[in-house]
């Protein structure tokens, strides 16, 4: 088994404060949008802040759609 680290997902993981184990177990097959949504729904304040920022910053929203 090999492990590939996607730098965009690693950046997101660090920005949201999610452990690498949790990230692999829960989010390995989800899009960035789905990860942010799930974390925000679970009360992750970093995810909530990022979701709000994406909604108000068009350039940021576009950049995140290009990451996936």
Protein backbone atom coordinates (compact mmCIF):
# COMPACT_ATOMS: atom_id res chain seq x y z
CA UNK A 1 0.00 0.00 0.00
CA UNK A 2 1.34 3.43 -0.84
CA UNK A 3 0.31 6.74 0.60
CA UNK A 4 0.19 9.85 -1.54
CA UNK A 5 -0.02 13.17 0.24
CA UNK A 6 -1.98 15.80 -1.63
CA UNK A 7 -0.55 19.16 -0.58
CA UNK A 8 -3.94 20.86 -1.01
CA UNK A 9 -5.62 18.38 1.32
CA UNK A 10 -2.72 18.63 3.77
CA UNK A 11 -3.13 22.41 3.80
CA UNK A 12 -6.86 22.00 4.46
CA UNK A 13 -6.20 19.46 7.22
CA UNK A 14 -3.83 21.84 8.97
CA UNK A 15 -6.12 24.85 8.47
CA UNK A 16 -9.03 22.97 10.03
CA UNK A 17 -6.94 21.49 12.84
CA UNK A 18 -7.78 17.87 12.02
CA UNK A 19 -5.38 15.10 13.01
CA UNK A 20 -3.88 13.11 10.15
CA UNK A 21 -5.41 9.90 11.53
CA UNK A 22 -8.90 11.39 11.71
CA UNK A 23 -8.47 12.92 8.28
CA UNK A 24 -7.52 9.57 6.75
CA UNK A 25 -10.27 7.65 8.56
CA UNK A 26 -13.14 10.07 7.95
CA UNK A 27 -12.33 12.11 4.88
CA UNK A 28 -10.08 10.14 2.54
CA UNK A 29 -12.75 9.88 -0.17
CA UNK A 30 -14.46 13.25 0.22
CA UNK A 31 -14.05 16.51 -1.67
CA UNK A 32 -12.78 19.66 -0.01
CA UNK A 33 -16.32 21.02 0.01
CA UNK A 34 -17.64 17.89 1.74
CA UNK A 35 -14.86 17.96 4.33
CA UNK A 36 -15.48 21.61 5.23
CA UNK A 37 -19.23 20.98 5.39
CA UNK A 38 -18.84 17.93 7.64
CA UNK A 39 -16.41 19.67 9.97
CA UNK A 40 -18.57 22.80 10.17
CA UNK A 41 -21.61 20.65 10.97
CA UNK A 42 -19.67 18.99 13.78
CA UNK A 43 -18.88 22.39 15.30
CA UNK A 44 -15.29 22.88 14.13
CA UNK A 45 -14.90 26.65 14.46
CA UNK A 46 -12.06 26.73 11.92
CA UNK A 47 -14.33 25.06 9.35
CA UNK A 48 -17.18 27.43 10.15
CA UNK A 49 -14.89 30.43 9.69
CA UNK A 50 -13.52 29.03 6.42
CA UNK A 51 -17.03 28.34 5.10
CA UNK A 52 -18.08 31.91 5.92
CA UNK A 53 -14.94 33.28 4.28
CA UNK A 54 -15.56 31.22 1.14
CA UNK A 55 -19.13 32.53 0.95
CA UNK A 56 -18.01 36.16 1.13
CA UNK A 57 -14.75 36.00 -0.83
CA UNK A 58 -15.35 35.07 -4.45
CA UNK A 59 -11.66 34.72 -5.31
CA UNK A 60 -11.16 32.31 -2.41
CA UNK A 61 -14.20 30.29 -3.45
CA UNK A 62 -12.84 29.96 -6.98
CA UNK A 63 -9.42 28.91 -5.71
CA UNK A 64 -10.94 26.15 -3.57
CA UNK A 65 -12.97 24.80 -6.48
CA UNK A 66 -9.75 24.44 -8.46
CA UNK A 67 -8.07 22.41 -5.70
CA UNK A 68 -10.28 19.36 -6.11
